[in-house]
Amino acid sequence: MILRVTDRQLLAKTGGIVQGMSGSPILQNGRLVGAVTHVLVNDPTRGYGIFAQTMLKQARAVEKTDDTAHTQAQNAK
């Protein structure tokens, strides 16, 4: 997703997204919607992020892969 920082306090303190903010939560109307991944170098008020739903989907896929590997290892014994 492409995002724009609109929080006036954050903009006053940092000028926008700065190095080290990767992984910071993205809130919209008080709700977690994702995490920061990149900043646009020429415009620190804009950047890229990943949706929280996508992160959860990927985490569940990894869990299933881990569970399958564990079951296979147990069956091989």
PDB file of N, CA and C in Angstrom:
ATOM      1  N   MET A   1       0.830  -1.172   0.000  1.00  0.00           N
ATOM      2  CA  MET A   1       0.000   0.000   0.000  1.00  0.00           C
ATOM      3  C   MET A   1       0.877   1.238   0.000  1.00  0.00           C
ATOM      4  N   ILE A   2       0.396   2.288  -0.575  1.00  0.00           N
ATOM      5  CA  ILE A   2       1.073   3.582  -0.514  1.00  0.00           C
ATOM      6  C   ILE A   2       0.393   4.378   0.586  1.00  0.00           C
ATOM      7  N   LEU A   3       1.192   5.021   1.440  1.00  0.00           N
ATOM      8  CA  LEU A   3       0.613   5.746   2.559  1.00  0.00           C
ATOM      9  C   LEU A   3       1.102   7.183   2.596  1.00  0.00           C
ATOM     10  N   ARG A   4       0.320   7.998   3.278  1.00  0.00           N
ATOM     11  CA  ARG A   4       0.679   9.407   3.505  1.00  0.00           C
ATOM     12  C   ARG A   4       0.500   9.680   4.992  1.00  0.00           C
ATOM     13  N   VAL A   5       1.524  10.264   5.603  1.00  0.00           N
ATOM     14  CA  VAL A   5       1.470  10.617   7.018  1.00  0.00           C
ATOM     15  C   VAL A   5       0.635  11.881   7.157  1.00  0.00           C
ATOM     16  N   THR A   6      -0.389  11.808   7.994  1.00  0.00           N
ATOM     17  CA  THR A   6      -1.250  12.969   8.212  1.00  0.00           C
ATOM     18  C   THR A   6      -1.249  13.421   9.667  1.00  0.00           C
ATOM     19  N   ASP A   7      -0.590  12.672  10.542  1.00  0.00           N
ATOM     20  CA  ASP A   7      -0.534  13.006  11.970  1.00  0.00           C
ATOM     21  C   ASP A   7       0.313  14.263  12.152  1.00  0.00           C
ATOM     22  N   ARG A   8      -0.315  15.346  12.553  1.00  0.00           N
ATOM     23  CA  ARG A   8       0.383  16.636  12.665  1.00  0.00           C
ATOM     24  C   ARG A   8       1.501  16.599  13.699  1.00  0.00           C
ATOM     25  N   GLN A   9       1.285  15.881  14.804  1.00  0.00           N
ATOM     26  CA  GLN A   9       2.328  15.789  15.831  1.00  0.00           C
ATOM     27  C   GLN A   9       3.546  15.032  15.306  1.00  0.00           C
ATOM     28  N   LEU A  10       3.310  13.933  14.600  1.00  0.00           N
ATOM     29  CA  LEU A  10       4.419  13.162  14.025  1.00  0.00           C
ATOM     30  C   LEU A  10       5.168  14.003  12.999  1.00  0.00           C
ATOM     31  N   LEU A  11       4.433  14.705  12.160  1.00  0.00           N
ATOM     32  CA  LEU A  11       5.073  15.552  11.148  1.00  0.00           C
ATOM     33  C   LEU A  11       5.885  16.669  11.800  1.00  0.00           C
ATOM     34  N   ALA A  12       5.387  17.238  12.891  1.00  0.00           N
ATOM     35  CA  ALA A  12       6.110  18.313  13.581  1.00  0.00           C
ATOM     36  C   ALA A  12       7.403  17.789  14.208  1.00  0.00           C
ATOM     37  N   LYS A  13       7.364  16.565  14.728  1.00  0.00           N
ATOM     38  CA  LYS A  13       8.536  16.006  15.410  1.00  0.00           C
ATOM     39  C   LYS A  13       9.565  15.420  14.450  1.00  0.00           C
ATOM     40  N   THR A  14       9.112  14.777  13.379  1.00  0.00           N
ATOM     41  CA  THR A  14      10.036  14.028  12.515  1.00  0.00           C
ATOM     42  C   THR A  14      10.068  14.499  11.067  1.00  0.00           C
ATOM     43  N   GLY A  15       9.045  15.208  10.646  1.00  0.00           N
ATOM     44  CA  GLY A  15       8.948  15.602   9.241  1.00  0.00           C
ATOM     45  C   GLY A  15       8.365  14.504   8.373  1.00  0.00           C
ATOM     46  N   GLY A  16       8.005  13.392   8.979  1.00  0.00           N
ATOM     47  CA  GLY A  16       7.430  12.279   8.218  1.00  0.00           C
ATOM     48  C   GLY A  16       8.087  10.966   8.612  1.00  0.00           C
ATOM     49  N   ILE A  17       8.193  10.074   7.653  1.00  0.00           N
ATOM     50  CA  ILE A  17       8.793   8.762   7.882  1.00  0.00           C
ATOM     51  C   ILE A  17      10.307   8.926   7.837  1.00  0.00           C
ATOM     52  N   VAL A  18      10.991   8.413   8.848  1.00  0.00           N
ATOM     53  CA  VAL A  18      12.445   8.512   8.890  1.00  0.00           C
ATOM     54  C   VAL A  18      13.054   7.114   8.964  1.00  0.00           C
ATOM     55  N   GLN A  19      14.349   7.060   8.665  1.00  0.00           N
ATOM     56  CA  GLN A  19      15.065   5.801   8.722  1.00  0.00           C
ATOM     57  C   GLN A  19      14.870   5.169  10.098  1.00  0.00           C
ATOM     58  N   GLY A  20      14.611   3.881  10.118  1.00  0.00           N
ATOM     59  CA  GLY A  20      14.390   3.164  11.358  1.00  0.00           C
ATOM     60  C   GLY A  20      12.924   2.965  11.698  1.00  0.00           C
ATOM     61  N   MET A  21      12.023   3.563  10.917  1.00  0.00           N
ATOM     62  CA  MET A  21      10.595   3.404  11.186  1.00  0.00           C
ATOM     63  C   MET A  21      10.001   2.154  10.536  1.00  0.00           C
ATOM     64  N   SER A  22      10.779   1.412   9.783  1.00  0.00           N
ATOM     65  CA  SER A  22      10.263   0.183   9.176  1.00  0.00           C
ATOM     66  C   SER A  22       9.711  -0.719  10.260  1.00  0.00           C
ATOM     67  N   GLY A  23       8.523  -1.229  10.026  1.00  0.00           N
ATOM     68  CA  GLY A  23       7.864  -2.086  10.999  1.00  0.00           C
ATOM     69  C   GLY A  23       6.960  -1.325  11.952  1.00  0.00           C
ATOM     70  N   SER A  24       7.028   0.003  11.903  1.00  0.00           N
ATOM     71  CA  SER A  24       6.152   0.800  12.769  1.00  0.00           C
ATOM     72  C   SER A  24       4.697   0.604  12.353  1.00  0.00           C
ATOM     73  N   PRO A  25       3.792   0.610  13.336  1.00  0.00           N
ATOM     74  CA  PRO A  25       2.379   0.392  13.005  1.00  0.00           C
ATOM     75  C   PRO A  25       1.796   1.547  12.196  1.00  0.00           C
ATOM     76  N   ILE A  26       0.890   1.204  11.317  1.00  0.00           N
ATOM     77  CA  ILE A  26       0.106   2.196  10.575  1.00  0.00           C
ATOM     78  C   ILE A  26      -1.296   2.135  11.160  1.00  0.00           C
ATOM     79  N   LEU A  27      -1.740   3.274  11.706  1.00  0.00           N
ATOM     80  CA  LEU A  27      -3.067   3.359  12.306  1.00  0.00           C
ATOM     81  C   LEU A  27      -3.957   4.216  11.435  1.00  0.00           C
ATOM     82  N   GLN A  28      -5.195   3.771  11.295  1.00  0.00           N
ATOM     83  CA  GLN A  28      -6.185   4.550  10.550  1.00  0.00           C
ATOM     84  C   GLN A  28      -7.461   4.543  11.384  1.00  0.00           C
ATOM     85  N   ASN A  29      -7.926   5.718  11.752  1.00  0.00           N
ATOM     86  CA  ASN A  29      -9.106   5.843  12.604  1.00  0.00           C
ATOM     87  C   ASN A  29      -8.958   5.028  13.884  1.00  0.00           C
ATOM     88  N   GLY A  30      -7.749   5.038  14.456  1.00  0.00           N
ATOM     89  CA  GLY A  30      -7.500   4.344  15.710  1.00  0.00           C
ATOM     90  C   GLY A  30      -7.341   2.842  15.610  1.00  0.00           C
ATOM     91  N   ARG A  31      -7.288   2.310  14.407  1.00  0.00           N
ATOM     92  CA  ARG A  31      -7.181   0.864  14.213  1.00  0.00           C
ATOM     93  C   ARG A  31      -5.891   0.520  13.473  1.00  0.00           C
ATOM     94  N   LEU A  32      -5.297  -0.601  13.858  1.00  0.00           N
ATOM     95  CA  LEU A  32      -4.096  -1.080  13.184  1.00  0.00           C
ATOM     96  C   LEU A  32      -4.478  -1.590  11.793  1.00  0.00           C
ATOM     97  N   VAL A  33      -3.848  -1.035  10.772  1.00  0.00           N
ATOM     98  CA  VAL A  33      -4.137  -1.487   9.409  1.00  0.00           C
ATOM     99  C   VAL A  33      -2.909  -2.057   8.715  1.00  0.00           C
ATOM    100  N   GLY A  34      -1.711  -1.849   9.300  1.00  0.00           N
ATOM    101  CA  GLY A  34      -0.514  -2.372   8.657  1.00  0.00           C
ATOM    102  C   GLY A  34       0.750  -1.892   9.329  1.00  0.00           C
ATOM    103  N   ALA A  35       1.852  -2.013   8.586  1.00  0.00           N
ATOM    104  CA  ALA A  35       3.167  -1.594   9.088  1.00  0.00           C
ATOM    105  C   ALA A  35       3.943  -0.905   7.977  1.00  0.00           C
ATOM    106  N   VAL A  36       4.768   0.070   8.354  1.00  0.00           N
ATOM    107  CA  VAL A  36       5.614   0.808   7.413  1.00  0.00           C
ATOM    108  C   VAL A  36       6.695  -0.127   6.864  1.00  0.00           C
ATOM    109  N   THR A  37       6.954  -0.055   5.565  1.00  0.00           N
ATOM    110  CA  THR A  37       8.049  -0.828   4.970  1.00  0.00           C
ATOM    111  C   THR A  37       9.120   0.063   4.346  1.00  0.00           C
ATOM    112  N   HIS A  38       8.719   1.157   3.687  1.00  0.00           N
ATOM    113  CA  HIS A  38       9.680   2.025   2.985  1.00  0.00           C
ATOM    114  C   HIS A  38       9.199   3.472   3.026  1.00  0.00           C
ATOM    115  N   VAL A  39      10.116   4.383   2.834  1.00  0.00           N
ATOM    116  CA  VAL A  39       9.798   5.801   2.698  1.00  0.00           C
ATOM    117  C   VAL A  39      10.166   6.239   1.281  1.00  0.00           C
ATOM    118  N   LEU A  40       9.403   7.176   0.728  1.00  0.00           N
ATOM    119  CA  LEU A  40       9.763   7.768  -0.558  1.00  0.00           C
ATOM    120  C   LEU A  40      10.839   8.816  -0.279  1.00  0.00           C
ATOM    121  N   VAL A  41      12.005   8.647  -0.828  1.00  0.00           N
ATOM    122  CA  VAL A  41      13.153   9.506  -0.524  1.00  0.00           C
ATOM    123  C   VAL A  41      12.862  10.974  -0.809  1.00  0.00           C
ATOM    124  N   ASN A  42      12.156  11.248  -1.876  1.00  0.00           N
ATOM    125  CA  ASN A  42      11.884  12.634  -2.248  1.00  0.00           C
ATOM    126  C   ASN A  42      10.671  13.231  -1.525  1.00  0.00           C
ATOM    127  N   ASP A  43       9.962  12.419  -0.708  1.00  0.00           N
ATOM    128  CA  ASP A  43       8.805  12.918   0.030  1.00  0.00           C
ATOM    129  C   ASP A  43       8.614  12.084   1.299  1.00  0.00           C
ATOM    130  N   PRO A  44       9.232  12.490   2.419  1.00  0.00           N
ATOM    131  CA  PRO A  44       9.160  11.695   3.645  1.00  0.00           C
ATOM    132  C   PRO A  44       7.771  11.627   4.274  1.00  0.00           C
ATOM    133  N   THR A  45       6.806  12.360   3.725  1.00  0.00           N
ATOM    134  CA  THR A  45       5.441  12.240   4.239  1.00  0.00           C
ATOM    135  C   THR A  45       4.705  11.082   3.574  1.00  0.00           C
ATOM    136  N   ARG A  46       5.373  10.424   2.606  1.00  0.00           N
ATOM    137  CA  ARG A  46       4.752   9.304   1.889  1.00  0.00           C
ATOM    138  C   ARG A  46       5.675   8.095   1.930  1.00  0.00           C
ATOM    139  N   GLY A  47       5.075   6.939   1.820  1.00  0.00           N
ATOM    140  CA  GLY A  47       5.872   5.722   1.825  1.00  0.00           C
ATOM    141  C   GLY A  47       5.037   4.521   1.451  1.00  0.00           C
ATOM    142  N   TYR A  48       5.602   3.362   1.723  1.00  0.00           N
ATOM    143  CA  TYR A  48       4.929   2.099   1.426  1.00  0.00           C
ATOM    144  C   TYR A  48       4.718   1.334   2.716  1.00  0.00           C
ATOM    145  N   GLY A  49       3.717   0.490   2.715  1.00  0.00           N
ATOM    146  CA  GLY A  49       3.451  -0.344   3.872  1.00  0.00           C
ATOM    147  C   GLY A  49       2.862  -1.668   3.442  1.00  0.00           C
ATOM    148  N   ILE A  50       2.684  -2.530   4.416  1.00  0.00           N
ATOM    149  CA  ILE A  50       2.064  -3.825   4.181  1.00  0.00           C
ATOM    150  C   ILE A  50       0.814  -3.892   5.057  1.00  0.00           C
ATOM    151  N   PHE A  51      -0.274  -4.422   4.502  1.00  0.00           N
ATOM    152  CA  PHE A  51      -1.517  -4.545   5.251  1.00  0.00           C
ATOM    153  C   PHE A  51      -1.373  -5.570   6.377  1.00  0.00           C
ATOM    154  N   ALA A  52      -1.987  -5.289   7.516  1.00  0.00           N
ATOM    155  CA  ALA A  52      -1.975  -6.218   8.649  1.00  0.00           C
ATOM    156  C   ALA A  52      -2.577  -7.563   8.239  1.00  0.00           C
ATOM    157  N   GLN A  53      -3.610  -7.536   7.428  1.00  0.00           N
ATOM    158  CA  GLN A  53      -4.255  -8.765   6.961  1.00  0.00           C
ATOM    159  C   GLN A  53      -3.265  -9.635   6.179  1.00  0.00           C
ATOM    160  N   THR A  54      -2.428  -9.027   5.371  1.00  0.00           N
ATOM    161  CA  THR A  54      -1.417  -9.766   4.617  1.00  0.00           C
ATOM    162  C   THR A  54      -0.391 -10.395   5.557  1.00  0.00           C
ATOM    163  N   MET A  55       0.018  -9.641   6.581  1.00  0.00           N
ATOM    164  CA  MET A  55       0.981 -10.175   7.546  1.00  0.00           C
ATOM    165  C   MET A  55       0.395 -11.383   8.276  1.00  0.00           C
ATOM    166  N   LEU A  56      -0.876 -11.298   8.676  1.00  0.00           N
ATOM    167  CA  LEU A  56      -1.517 -12.409   9.374  1.00  0.00           C
ATOM    168  C   LEU A  56      -1.640 -13.635   8.471  1.00  0.00           C
ATOM    169  N   LYS A  57      -2.005 -13.404   7.222  1.00  0.00           N
ATOM    170  CA  LYS A  57      -2.130 -14.510   6.265  1.00  0.00           C
ATOM    171  C   LYS A  57      -0.786 -15.220   6.082  1.00  0.00           C
ATOM    172  N   GLN A  58       0.287 -14.448   5.961  1.00  0.00           N
ATOM    173  CA  GLN A  58       1.623 -15.027   5.801  1.00  0.00           C
ATOM    174  C   GLN A  58       2.055 -15.780   7.055  1.00  0.00           C
ATOM    175  N   ALA A  59       1.744 -15.222   8.228  1.00  0.00           N
ATOM    176  CA  ALA A  59       2.104 -15.875   9.490  1.00  0.00           C
ATOM    177  C   ALA A  59       1.384 -17.209   9.616  1.00  0.00           C
ATOM    178  N   ARG A  60       0.116 -17.254   9.222  1.00  0.00           N
ATOM    179  CA  ARG A  60      -0.643 -18.516   9.282  1.00  0.00           C
ATOM    180  C   ARG A  60      -0.075 -19.541   8.312  1.00  0.00           C
ATOM    181  N   ALA A  61       0.366 -19.090   7.148  1.00  0.00           N
ATOM    182  CA  ALA A  61       0.960 -20.004   6.163  1.00  0.00           C
ATOM    183  C   ALA A  61       2.249 -20.601   6.712  1.00  0.00           C
ATOM    184  N   VAL A  62       3.050 -19.796   7.396  1.00  0.00           N
ATOM    185  CA  VAL A  62       4.298 -20.283   7.995  1.00  0.00           C
ATOM    186  C   VAL A  62       3.983 -21.287   9.096  1.00  0.00           C
ATOM    187  N   GLU A  63       2.957 -20.992   9.917  1.00  0.00           N
ATOM    188  CA  GLU A  63       2.562 -21.925  10.978  1.00  0.00           C
ATOM    189  C   GLU A  63       2.189 -23.279  10.399  1.00  0.00           C
ATOM    190  N   LYS A  64       1.413 -23.263   9.308  1.00  0.00           N
ATOM    191  CA  LYS A  64       0.999 -24.521   8.677  1.00  0.00           C
ATOM    192  C   LYS A  64       2.206 -25.278   8.161  1.00  0.00           C
ATOM    193  N   THR A  65       3.158 -24.563   7.556  1.00  0.00           N
ATOM    194  CA  THR A  65       4.372 -25.190   7.048  1.00  0.00           C
ATOM    195  C   THR A  65       5.169 -25.794   8.192  1.00  0.00           C
ATOM    196  N   ASP A  66       5.301 -25.050   9.287  1.00  0.00           N
ATOM    197  CA  ASP A  66       6.020 -25.543  10.465  1.00  0.00           C
ATOM    198  C   ASP A  66       5.334 -26.766  11.053  1.00  0.00           C
ATOM    199  N   ASP A  67       3.987 -26.732  11.138  1.00  0.00           N
ATOM    200  CA  ASP A  67       3.235 -27.859  11.683  1.00  0.00           C
ATOM    201  C   ASP A  67       3.411 -29.100  10.817  1.00  0.00           C
ATOM    202  N   THR A  68       3.381 -28.916   9.493  1.00  0.00           N
ATOM    203  CA  THR A  68       3.550 -30.035   8.571  1.00  0.00           C
ATOM    204  C   THR A  68       4.944 -30.630   8.711  1.00  0.00           C
ATOM    205  N   ALA A  69       5.956 -29.791   8.785  1.00  0.00           N
ATOM    206  CA  ALA A  69       7.337 -30.267   8.934  1.00  0.00           C
ATOM    207  C   ALA A  69       7.504 -31.017  10.251  1.00  0.00           C
ATOM    208  N   HIS A  70       6.889 -30.510  11.312  1.00  0.00           N
ATOM    209  CA  HIS A  70       6.982 -31.166  12.618  1.00  0.00           C
ATOM    210  C   HIS A  70       6.304 -32.543  12.587  1.00  0.00           C
ATOM    211  N   THR A  71       5.112 -32.607  11.966  1.00  0.00           N
ATOM    212  CA  THR A  71       4.394 -33.875  11.848  1.00  0.00           C
ATOM    213  C   THR A  71       5.197 -34.874  11.028  1.00  0.00           C
ATOM    214  N   GLN A  72       5.773 -34.439   9.932  1.00  0.00           N
ATOM    215  CA  GLN A  72       6.589 -35.337   9.110  1.00  0.00           C
ATOM    216  C   GLN A  72       7.799 -35.836   9.868  1.00  0.00           C
ATOM    217  N   ALA A  73       8.421 -34.982  10.653  1.00  0.00           N
ATOM    218  CA  ALA A  73       9.585 -35.397  11.433  1.00  0.00           C
ATOM    219  C   ALA A  73       9.188 -36.415  12.499  1.00  0.00           C
ATOM    220  N   GLN A  74       8.036 -36.224  13.112  1.00  0.00           N
ATOM    221  CA  GLN A  74       7.548 -37.158  14.120  1.00  0.00           C
ATOM    222  C   GLN A  74       7.203 -38.520  13.493  1.00  0.00           C
ATOM    223  N   ASN A  75       6.626 -38.488  12.299  1.00  0.00           N
ATOM    224  CA  ASN A  75       6.258 -39.729  11.621  1.00  0.00           C
ATOM    225  C   ASN A  75       7.477 -40.496  11.116  1.00  0.00           C
ATOM    226  N   ALA A  76       8.558 -39.801  10.870  1.00  0.00           N
ATOM    227  CA  ALA A  76       9.775 -40.436  10.356  1.00  0.00           C
ATOM    228  C   ALA A  76      10.516 -41.200  11.454  1.00  0.00           C
ATOM    229  N   LYS A  77      10.196 -40.935  12.701  1.00  0.00           N
ATOM    230  CA  LYS A  77      10.891 -41.592  13.816  1.00  0.00           C
ATOM    231  C   LYS A  77      10.491 -43.011  13.982  1.00  0.00           C
TER     232      LYS A  77
END
